[in-house]
Protein backbone atom coordinates (compact mmCIF):
# COMPACT_ATOMS: atom_id res chain seq x y z
CA MET A 1 43.74 -56.73 -20.55
CA LYS A 2 44.10 -58.36 -23.99
CA PHE A 3 41.34 -57.33 -26.38
CA THR A 4 39.78 -59.29 -29.23
CA VAL A 5 39.26 -57.58 -32.59
CA LEU A 6 36.80 -58.96 -35.15
CA ILE A 7 37.55 -58.01 -38.76
CA ILE A 8 34.75 -58.54 -41.30
CA ASP A 9 35.68 -57.96 -44.95
CA ASP A 10 34.94 -59.93 -48.12
CA GLU A 11 38.31 -58.97 -49.62
CA LYS A 12 40.76 -61.62 -48.46
CA ASN A 13 43.91 -59.49 -48.80
CA ILE A 14 42.44 -56.66 -46.73
CA ARG A 15 40.99 -59.02 -44.13
CA GLU A 16 44.16 -61.02 -43.61
CA GLY A 17 46.46 -58.00 -43.87
CA LEU A 18 44.57 -56.16 -41.15
CA GLY A 19 44.52 -59.33 -39.07
CA THR A 20 48.31 -59.62 -39.23
CA ALA A 21 48.74 -55.93 -38.33
CA PHE A 22 46.50 -56.18 -35.28
CA GLU A 23 48.16 -59.39 -34.11
CA MET A 24 51.52 -57.61 -34.26
CA GLU A 25 50.04 -54.93 -31.98
CA GLY A 26 49.20 -57.59 -29.41
CA TYR A 27 45.50 -58.06 -30.09
CA THR A 28 43.63 -61.34 -30.40
CA VAL A 29 42.13 -61.39 -33.90
CA ARG A 30 39.03 -63.05 -35.35
CA LEU A 31 38.36 -62.95 -39.11
CA ALA A 32 35.08 -63.25 -41.02
CA ALA A 33 34.60 -63.17 -44.79
CA ASN A 34 30.99 -61.96 -44.66
CA GLY A 35 28.39 -60.45 -42.38
CA ARG A 36 26.73 -63.76 -41.54
CA ASP A 37 29.96 -65.31 -40.29
CA GLY A 38 30.82 -62.12 -38.42
CA LEU A 39 27.51 -62.11 -36.54
CA ALA A 40 28.09 -65.75 -35.63
CA VAL A 41 31.48 -64.85 -34.09
CA ILE A 42 29.88 -61.99 -32.14
CA ALA A 43 27.12 -64.30 -30.89
CA ASN A 44 29.76 -66.65 -29.43
CA GLY A 45 30.98 -63.78 -27.22
CA GLY A 46 34.41 -62.43 -26.37
CA VAL A 47 34.57 -59.74 -29.10
CA ASP A 48 35.61 -56.28 -27.90
CA VAL A 49 35.53 -54.28 -31.13
CA VAL A 50 34.22 -54.90 -34.66
CA ILE A 51 35.87 -53.57 -37.81
CA THR A 52 33.59 -54.17 -40.76
CA ASP A 53 33.46 -53.35 -44.46
CA LEU A 54 30.32 -51.39 -45.27
CA ARG A 55 29.48 -52.96 -48.65
CA MET A 56 29.28 -56.76 -48.70
CA ASP A 57 26.99 -59.25 -50.41
CA GLY A 58 24.27 -60.75 -48.26
CA ILE A 59 24.41 -59.27 -44.77
CA SER A 60 26.06 -55.87 -45.23
CA GLY A 61 28.16 -53.89 -42.79
CA GLU A 62 25.11 -51.72 -42.17
CA ASP A 63 23.16 -54.83 -41.14
CA VAL A 64 26.01 -55.89 -38.83
CA LEU A 65 26.04 -52.42 -37.26
CA ARG A 66 22.29 -52.48 -36.62
CA ARG A 67 22.47 -55.94 -35.03
CA VAL A 68 25.43 -55.06 -32.81
CA THR A 69 23.85 -51.75 -31.73
CA ALA A 70 20.59 -53.50 -30.85
CA GLU A 71 21.90 -56.73 -29.30
CA THR A 72 25.37 -55.91 -27.89
CA PRO A 73 25.45 -52.10 -27.61
CA GLY A 74 28.66 -52.02 -25.59
CA ILE A 75 30.79 -53.25 -28.54
CA PRO A 76 32.13 -50.37 -30.69
CA VAL A 77 31.86 -50.79 -34.47
CA ILE A 78 34.34 -49.17 -36.88
CA VAL A 79 33.17 -49.00 -40.50
CA LEU A 80 35.44 -49.25 -43.57
CA THR A 81 34.16 -47.82 -46.83
CA GLY A 82 35.22 -46.78 -50.32
CA HIS A 83 35.45 -43.13 -51.33
CA GLY A 84 32.15 -43.41 -53.21
CA SER A 85 30.21 -44.37 -50.06
CA ILE A 86 30.90 -41.44 -47.76
CA ASP A 87 27.21 -40.61 -47.41
CA ALA A 88 26.51 -44.19 -46.36
CA ALA A 89 29.34 -44.01 -43.85
CA VAL A 90 27.89 -40.82 -42.37
CA ASP A 91 24.54 -42.59 -42.08
CA ALA A 92 26.35 -45.42 -40.29
CA MET A 93 27.76 -42.92 -37.78
CA ARG A 94 24.24 -41.70 -37.10
CA SER A 95 23.21 -45.31 -36.56
CA GLY A 96 25.79 -45.76 -33.82
CA ALA A 97 29.12 -46.56 -35.50
CA TYR A 98 32.11 -45.50 -33.41
CA ASP A 99 33.98 -44.12 -36.44
CA PHE A 100 34.65 -44.80 -40.12
CA LEU A 101 37.65 -44.84 -42.49
CA THR A 102 37.79 -44.69 -46.26
CA LYS A 103 39.80 -47.10 -48.36
CA PRO A 104 42.70 -47.36 -49.02
CA ILE A 105 43.10 -47.71 -45.28
CA ASN A 106 45.57 -45.66 -43.28
CA LEU A 107 46.75 -48.40 -40.91
CA ASP A 108 48.15 -46.06 -38.27
CA ARG A 109 44.88 -44.16 -38.23
CA LEU A 110 42.85 -47.37 -37.91
CA LEU A 111 45.05 -48.63 -35.07
CA LEU A 112 44.62 -45.34 -33.23
CA ILE A 113 40.83 -45.29 -33.67
CA THR A 114 40.63 -48.89 -32.49
CA LYS A 115 42.80 -48.10 -29.47
CA ARG A 116 40.51 -45.22 -28.49
CA ALA A 117 37.39 -47.29 -29.02
CA LEU A 118 38.81 -49.99 -26.76
CA GLU A 119 39.84 -47.46 -24.11
CA SER A 120 36.22 -46.30 -23.99
CA ARG A 121 35.00 -49.90 -23.78
CA GLU A 122 37.55 -50.74 -21.08
CA LEU A 123 36.39 -47.81 -18.96
CA SER A 124 32.79 -48.97 -19.31
CA LEU A 125 33.71 -52.55 -18.39
CA LYS A 126 35.80 -51.44 -15.40
CA HIS A 127 32.99 -49.20 -14.22
CA LEU A 128 30.50 -52.08 -14.44
CA GLU A 129 32.91 -54.46 -12.71
CA LEU A 130 33.49 -51.96 -9.93
CA GLN A 131 29.78 -51.43 -9.42
CA LYS A 132 29.16 -55.20 -9.30
CA GLU A 133 32.07 -55.71 -6.91
CA ILE A 134 30.99 -53.10 -4.41
CA ALA A 135 27.28 -53.86 -4.76
CA GLY A 136 28.00 -57.37 -3.51
CA ASN A 137 28.90 -56.24 -0.01
CA ILE A 138 28.12 -52.55 0.48
CA PRO A 139 25.67 -50.10 -1.10
CA PHE A 140 28.23 -47.97 -2.94
CA ASP A 141 26.17 -47.66 -6.12
CA THR A 142 26.53 -43.86 -5.96
CA MET A 143 30.29 -44.00 -5.35
CA ILE A 144 33.02 -44.31 -7.95
CA GLY A 145 36.63 -45.17 -7.24
CA LYS A 146 39.30 -47.79 -7.74
CA SER A 147 42.32 -45.87 -6.42
CA ALA A 148 44.15 -46.98 -3.28
CA GLU A 149 42.97 -43.81 -1.55
CA MET A 150 39.31 -44.60 -2.18
CA ARG A 151 39.75 -48.25 -1.29
CA ARG A 152 40.82 -47.06 2.14
CA VAL A 153 37.70 -44.89 2.38
CA PHE A 154 35.52 -47.85 1.37
CA GLU A 155 37.13 -49.96 4.07
CA MET A 156 36.52 -47.32 6.75
CA ILE A 157 32.89 -47.05 5.68
CA LYS A 158 32.42 -50.80 6.00
CA LYS A 159 34.00 -50.85 9.47
CA SER A 160 32.19 -47.79 10.84
CA ALA A 161 28.70 -48.44 9.44
CA PRO A 162 27.54 -51.07 11.98
CA ALA A 163 28.55 -48.92 14.98
CA LYS A 164 26.56 -46.23 16.82
CA ALA A 165 29.51 -43.86 17.27
CA ALA A 166 29.57 -40.41 15.70
CA VAL A 167 31.50 -40.02 12.45
CA LEU A 168 33.34 -36.92 11.27
CA ILE A 169 33.95 -36.71 7.53
CA THR A 170 36.49 -34.14 6.37
CA GLY A 171 37.72 -33.08 2.96
CA GLU A 172 37.65 -30.23 0.49
CA SER A 173 34.42 -28.91 -0.95
CA GLY A 174 33.04 -31.12 -3.72
CA VAL A 175 34.86 -34.37 -2.84
CA GLY A 176 31.66 -36.27 -2.03
CA LYS A 177 31.38 -36.14 1.78
CA GLU A 178 27.59 -36.43 1.62
CA VAL A 179 27.87 -39.53 -0.57
CA VAL A 180 30.13 -41.13 2.06
CA ALA A 181 27.61 -40.30 4.79
CA ASP A 182 24.81 -41.80 2.71
CA ALA A 183 26.80 -45.02 2.20
CA ILE A 184 27.44 -45.33 5.96
CA HIS A 185 23.73 -44.98 6.70
CA ARG A 186 22.60 -47.44 4.03
CA LEU A 187 25.07 -50.06 5.23
CA SER A 188 24.11 -49.58 8.87
CA PRO A 189 21.41 -51.36 10.93
CA ARG A 190 19.48 -48.05 10.63
CA ALA A 191 19.22 -48.31 6.85
CA ASN A 192 15.42 -48.67 6.88
CA ALA A 193 14.98 -45.63 9.15
CA SER A 194 15.25 -41.94 8.29
CA PHE A 195 18.39 -40.30 6.93
CA ILE A 196 17.96 -36.59 7.63
CA LYS A 197 20.33 -34.05 6.06
CA VAL A 198 21.02 -30.57 7.39
CA HIS A 199 23.21 -28.04 5.59
CA CYS A 200 24.28 -25.96 8.57
CA ALA A 201 25.85 -23.13 6.56
CA ALA A 202 22.60 -22.48 4.67
CA LEU A 203 20.59 -21.61 7.79
CA SER A 204 20.71 -18.54 10.01
CA GLU A 205 21.58 -18.92 13.71
CA THR A 206 17.94 -18.72 14.91
CA LEU A 207 16.56 -20.84 12.11
CA LEU A 208 19.25 -23.52 12.52
CA GLU A 209 18.39 -24.09 16.18
CA SER A 210 14.70 -24.37 15.34
CA GLU A 211 15.40 -26.69 12.41
CA LEU A 212 17.57 -29.00 14.50
CA PHE A 213 15.55 -29.13 17.72
CA GLY A 214 12.08 -27.91 16.75
CA HIS A 215 10.01 -25.22 18.47
CA GLU A 216 6.86 -24.82 20.51
CA LYS A 217 3.87 -22.76 19.46
CA GLY A 218 4.52 -19.07 20.20
CA ALA A 219 8.28 -19.55 20.64
CA PHE A 220 8.90 -16.65 18.24
CA THR A 221 7.03 -14.51 15.75
CA GLY A 222 5.44 -16.73 13.14
CA ALA A 223 5.59 -19.89 15.26
CA ASP A 224 1.84 -20.53 15.07
CA LYS A 225 2.15 -24.23 15.88
CA MET A 226 4.52 -26.76 17.42
CA GLN A 227 7.05 -28.15 14.99
CA LYS A 228 9.35 -31.13 15.42
CA GLY A 229 13.02 -30.59 14.55
CA ARG A 230 15.35 -32.68 12.42
CA PHE A 231 16.62 -34.67 15.43
CA GLU A 232 13.10 -35.83 16.32
CA ARG A 233 12.35 -36.72 12.71
CA ALA A 234 15.60 -38.72 12.57
CA HIS A 235 14.71 -40.79 15.66
CA GLY A 236 15.90 -44.35 15.12
CA GLY A 237 17.90 -43.29 12.09
CA THR A 238 20.79 -41.03 11.11
CA ILE A 239 21.24 -37.27 10.94
CA PHE A 240 23.89 -35.76 8.66
CA LEU A 241 25.17 -32.34 9.70
CA ASP A 242 26.98 -30.87 6.72
CA GLU A 243 29.38 -27.93 7.21
CA ILE A 244 29.36 -28.50 10.98
CA GLY A 245 32.18 -25.96 11.34
CA GLU A 246 29.72 -23.14 10.60
CA ILE A 247 27.45 -23.54 13.68
CA ASN A 248 27.60 -20.93 16.44
CA GLN A 249 28.49 -21.45 20.10
CA SER A 250 24.91 -21.61 21.43
CA VAL A 251 23.93 -24.34 18.98
CA GLN A 252 27.22 -26.12 19.72
CA ILE A 253 26.27 -26.37 23.43
CA LYS A 254 22.87 -27.84 22.65
CA LEU A 255 24.35 -30.25 20.13
CA LEU A 256 26.92 -31.39 22.69
CA ARG A 257 24.11 -32.31 25.08
CA VAL A 258 22.33 -34.35 22.40
CA LEU A 259 25.53 -36.28 21.72
CA GLN A 260 26.17 -36.88 25.43
CA ASP A 261 22.67 -37.47 26.83
CA LYS A 262 20.43 -37.99 23.77
CA LYS A 263 18.18 -35.25 25.15
CA PHE A 264 17.15 -31.68 24.30
CA GLU A 265 14.29 -29.18 24.58
CA ARG A 266 12.51 -27.57 21.68
CA VAL A 267 12.99 -23.83 21.24
CA GLY A 268 10.59 -22.07 23.63
CA GLY A 269 9.71 -25.32 25.40
CA GLU A 270 10.41 -27.00 28.72
CA GLU A 271 9.57 -30.62 27.87
CA THR A 272 12.68 -32.81 27.46
CA VAL A 273 12.73 -34.84 24.28
CA GLU A 274 14.77 -38.06 24.13
CA VAL A 275 16.03 -39.41 20.80
CA ASP A 276 18.08 -42.28 19.46
CA VAL A 277 20.00 -40.77 16.55
CA ARG A 278 23.34 -41.56 14.99
CA VAL A 279 25.23 -38.37 14.12
CA ILE A 280 27.44 -38.01 11.04
CA ALA A 281 29.04 -34.61 10.55
CA ALA A 282 31.11 -33.18 7.72
CA THR A 283 33.26 -30.12 7.18
CA ASN A 284 35.85 -28.69 4.83
CA LYS A 285 37.36 -26.71 7.70
CA ASN A 286 40.24 -27.73 9.94
CA LEU A 287 38.30 -28.14 13.19
CA GLU A 288 41.47 -28.48 15.26
CA ALA A 289 42.46 -25.00 14.07
CA GLU A 290 38.93 -23.76 14.82
CA VAL A 291 39.23 -25.16 18.34
CA ALA A 292 42.61 -23.46 18.81
CA ALA A 293 41.09 -20.17 17.63
CA GLY A 294 38.21 -20.50 20.10
CA ARG A 295 35.51 -20.73 17.44
CA PHE A 296 34.63 -24.41 17.99
CA ARG A 297 34.18 -26.19 21.32
CA GLU A 298 36.90 -28.71 22.05
CA ASP A 299 34.53 -31.07 23.90
CA LEU A 300 32.11 -31.07 20.95
CA TYR A 301 34.97 -31.72 18.54
CA TYR A 302 36.00 -34.85 20.43
CA ARG A 303 32.38 -36.02 20.64
CA LEU A 304 32.00 -35.71 16.87
CA ASN A 305 35.45 -37.06 16.02
CA VAL A 306 35.04 -40.62 17.32
CA ILE A 307 35.50 -42.04 13.83
CA HIS A 308 37.32 -39.80 11.36
CA ILE A 309 37.11 -40.37 7.59
CA THR A 310 39.08 -38.08 5.26
CA VAL A 311 37.94 -38.03 1.64
CA PRO A 312 40.92 -37.19 -0.62
CA PRO A 313 40.67 -34.49 -3.29
CA LEU A 314 40.35 -35.57 -6.91
CA ARG A 315 43.86 -34.37 -7.77
CA GLU A 316 45.26 -36.96 -5.33
CA ARG A 317 43.35 -39.86 -6.90
CA LYS A 318 43.80 -39.34 -10.63
CA ASP A 319 43.31 -43.10 -11.15
CA ASP A 320 39.61 -42.47 -10.54
CA LEU A 321 39.39 -39.64 -13.08
CA PRO A 322 38.69 -41.82 -16.16
CA LEU A 323 35.87 -43.58 -14.29
CA PHE A 324 34.22 -40.29 -13.35
CA ILE A 325 34.63 -38.88 -16.85
CA ASN A 326 33.10 -41.96 -18.44
CA ALA A 327 30.23 -42.10 -15.93
CA PHE A 328 29.33 -38.41 -16.32
CA LEU A 329 29.68 -38.57 -20.12
CA THR A 330 27.31 -41.53 -20.28
CA GLU A 331 24.84 -39.90 -17.87
CA TYR A 332 24.64 -36.52 -19.58
CA ALA A 333 24.74 -37.86 -23.15
CA ALA A 334 21.67 -39.96 -22.33
CA GLU A 335 20.00 -37.10 -20.47
CA ASN A 336 20.47 -34.74 -23.43
CA GLY A 337 19.72 -37.31 -26.13
CA LYS A 338 23.18 -37.12 -27.72
CA ALA A 339 25.09 -40.00 -29.33
CA ILE A 340 28.54 -38.94 -28.10
CA THR A 341 31.02 -41.80 -28.39
CA GLY A 342 34.02 -40.38 -26.57
CA ILE A 343 36.54 -37.60 -26.04
CA ASP A 344 39.33 -36.63 -28.43
CA SER A 345 42.96 -36.74 -27.34
CA ARG A 346 43.46 -32.99 -26.79
CA ALA A 347 40.34 -32.71 -24.63
CA ARG A 348 41.32 -35.82 -22.69
CA THR A 349 44.79 -34.37 -22.05
CA ALA A 350 43.25 -31.16 -20.71
CA LEU A 351 40.90 -33.11 -18.42
CA TYR A 352 43.81 -35.13 -17.03
CA LYS A 353 46.12 -32.14 -16.64
CA TYR A 354 43.64 -29.86 -14.86
CA SER A 355 43.95 -29.83 -11.05
CA TRP A 356 40.16 -29.80 -10.31
CA PRO A 357 40.08 -27.40 -7.32
CA GLY A 358 36.30 -27.92 -7.18
CA ASN A 359 36.80 -31.69 -7.15
CA ILE A 360 34.04 -34.07 -8.30
CA ARG A 361 31.37 -31.36 -8.27
CA GLU A 362 33.43 -29.26 -10.69
CA LEU A 363 34.18 -32.26 -12.94
CA LYS A 364 30.49 -33.16 -13.05
CA ASN A 365 29.52 -29.62 -14.07
CA CYS A 366 32.33 -29.59 -16.63
CA MET A 367 31.16 -32.81 -18.28
CA GLU A 368 27.54 -31.69 -18.36
CA SER A 369 28.58 -28.43 -20.03
CA ALA A 370 30.85 -30.25 -22.51
CA VAL A 371 28.08 -32.65 -23.54
CA ILE A 372 25.68 -29.75 -24.10
CA MET A 373 28.27 -27.79 -26.12
CA CYS A 374 29.37 -30.82 -28.19
CA SER A 375 27.92 -30.85 -31.71
CA GLY A 376 29.78 -33.92 -33.01
CA ARG A 377 30.45 -37.49 -32.02
CA LYS A 378 33.32 -36.65 -29.66
CA ILE A 379 33.95 -33.96 -27.10
CA THR A 380 36.73 -31.66 -28.26
CA LEU A 381 38.91 -29.10 -26.50
CA ALA A 382 36.57 -26.33 -27.69
CA ASP A 383 33.64 -27.98 -25.89
CA LEU A 384 35.33 -27.77 -22.48
CA PRO A 385 34.98 -24.73 -20.17
CA PRO A 386 37.84 -22.22 -20.67
CA THR A 387 39.33 -22.89 -17.21
CA VAL A 388 39.81 -26.54 -18.19
CA SER A 389 40.74 -26.15 -21.86
CA GLU A 390 43.41 -23.59 -20.96
CA ALA A 391 45.14 -26.19 -18.78
CA THR A 392 47.18 -27.20 -21.84
CA ALA A 393 47.91 -23.65 -22.94
CA ASP A 394 51.42 -23.67 -21.48
CA GLU A 395 52.44 -26.85 -23.29
CA THR A 396 54.41 -25.25 -26.12
CA ILE A 397 57.60 -26.06 -27.99
CA THR A 398 59.90 -23.45 -29.49
CA ILE A 399 61.06 -24.48 -32.98
CA PRO A 400 63.91 -22.43 -34.45
CA LEU A 401 63.34 -21.07 -37.94
CA GLY A 402 64.98 -23.33 -40.53
CA MET A 403 65.07 -26.49 -38.39
CA PRO A 404 64.86 -29.58 -40.67
CA MET A 405 61.51 -31.41 -40.64
CA ALA A 406 63.12 -34.62 -39.38
CA ASP A 407 64.55 -32.73 -36.40
CA ILE A 408 61.19 -31.02 -35.74
CA GLU A 409 59.47 -34.41 -35.64
CA LYS A 410 62.11 -35.76 -33.27
CA LEU A 411 61.76 -32.71 -30.99
CA VAL A 412 57.96 -32.92 -30.88
CA ILE A 413 58.05 -36.63 -30.04
CA ALA A 414 60.74 -36.20 -27.39
CA GLU A 415 58.99 -33.26 -25.68
CA THR A 416 55.59 -34.97 -25.75
CA LEU A 417 57.12 -38.16 -24.34
CA ALA A 418 58.79 -36.17 -21.58
CA ALA A 419 55.54 -34.33 -20.76
CA ASN A 420 53.85 -37.71 -20.36
CA ARG A 421 56.67 -39.03 -18.15
CA GLY A 422 57.74 -41.66 -20.67
CA ASN A 423 54.24 -43.09 -21.21
CA LYS A 424 54.47 -44.21 -24.85
CA SER A 425 50.83 -45.21 -25.20
CA LYS A 426 49.63 -41.79 -24.08
CA THR A 427 52.26 -40.08 -26.24
CA ALA A 428 51.14 -42.00 -29.34
CA ASP A 429 47.53 -41.16 -28.55
CA ILE A 430 48.20 -37.42 -28.22
CA LEU A 431 50.33 -37.31 -31.38
CA GLY A 432 47.71 -39.22 -33.37
CA ILE A 433 49.99 -42.08 -34.42
CA GLY A 434 50.01 -45.79 -33.70
CA ARG A 435 52.06 -47.19 -30.85
CA LYS A 436 54.00 -49.34 -33.31
CA THR A 437 54.83 -46.26 -35.38
CA LEU A 438 56.06 -44.42 -32.30
CA HIS A 439 58.29 -47.34 -31.29
CA ARG A 440 59.71 -47.49 -34.81
CA LYS A 441 60.55 -43.79 -34.79
CA LEU A 442 62.10 -43.93 -31.32
CA ASN A 443 64.20 -46.94 -32.30
CA GLY A 444 65.33 -45.04 -35.38
CA TYR A 445 66.43 -42.10 -33.27
CA ASP A 446 68.34 -44.41 -30.93
CA SER A 447 70.18 -46.05 -33.82
CA VAL A 448 71.24 -42.65 -35.19
CA GLU A 449 72.36 -41.40 -31.80
CA ASN A 450 74.24 -44.58 -31.00
CA GLU A 451 75.92 -44.76 -34.40
CA PRO A 452 79.72 -44.67 -33.92
CA SER A 453 81.36 -41.52 -35.13
CA ALA A 454 83.74 -41.70 -38.07
CA PRO A 455 87.41 -42.01 -37.14
CA ALA A 456 89.40 -38.82 -37.29
CA PRO A 457 91.45 -38.47 -40.46
């Protein structure tokens, strides 16, 4: 995706010099000599980031910032200011500026800030595009994912939703099995009927049977009236049995009958109740192993496993990680009233490196905690939970005492590049330098290494 940068500055040399630098980095550039012209360019659309001088005659950079924040809030604004206007720049940050730099401008620093601002914008745009795309054909508004693994899950949901057959959803704890079940129901012909959820592991053996199938008055101590169970309340709709691997043998037998005959009796009753219910079950257990161990009925397993959807763990779909991070950051920043604009490079590296054994649930809790702990404009490594922030603790480089600075720089760049599997954009981001600067340094190293050795005397 090629981004468009708008540069607003009343100093021609600065404006045109920055324009040339950004064009060399591959950006499309628009230039404006004052705030009025800059706002006109923004109004025409197509601008992805605004870099504006703070002090200008007429419409100032502050005015531009206020207009952009109010009218096109998704466009990040980077403010340039002289050393004597730091207080004004801080006020601009409070008003919604993405970041600010003092003049004379450090070009590498500006390029890096712009790159990060655009990464944040790109994630927002991709998230919106994904939501629009999936909203057009299936109700996936609660689901996030663009990876090949999740595309396959989406496709299975679309195919299975219109059917009446039972669905078994498997996957590790926290991957979003309930969200998948919800999407199947809302896409199905039963969408306007009940969607009843039962967490099987949270209920005792006696209580689970009563909750599922209901009970008659006097069926047990405290049963002072007849009560319908979850299956009756789900009649015409869908019932979701979460952690199905935890139910005992007696409940398994009764559940098998419901799946086969659509009939059951309430606890303590003799009247047969007939229901039309679609069953979706989920588990993080290996039910085939449970069957082999004699803990789960084989006939029930096959009745439940007509359609099988496996939700992959987060570590196997890292392409979705930036979307989740951005979505949770936006959600919790708004919920806590914080103007957090992004995540710094060290924190981002830790988030990407961590294996997320608790999957999406753990990531969601992590981002909520980080937003609450964050006291600045960006989430830092210190804001993350220790289990996540320590994910980068083993990334160290041993530098021998007395090594020349030039060799230290070369070592750091080489090791960081290797750790990122040759990804130069990510390496430049982590090191805090521009991509162009990194390429220049790497080319310099190549020329030294490839230099022919002097002939032997």
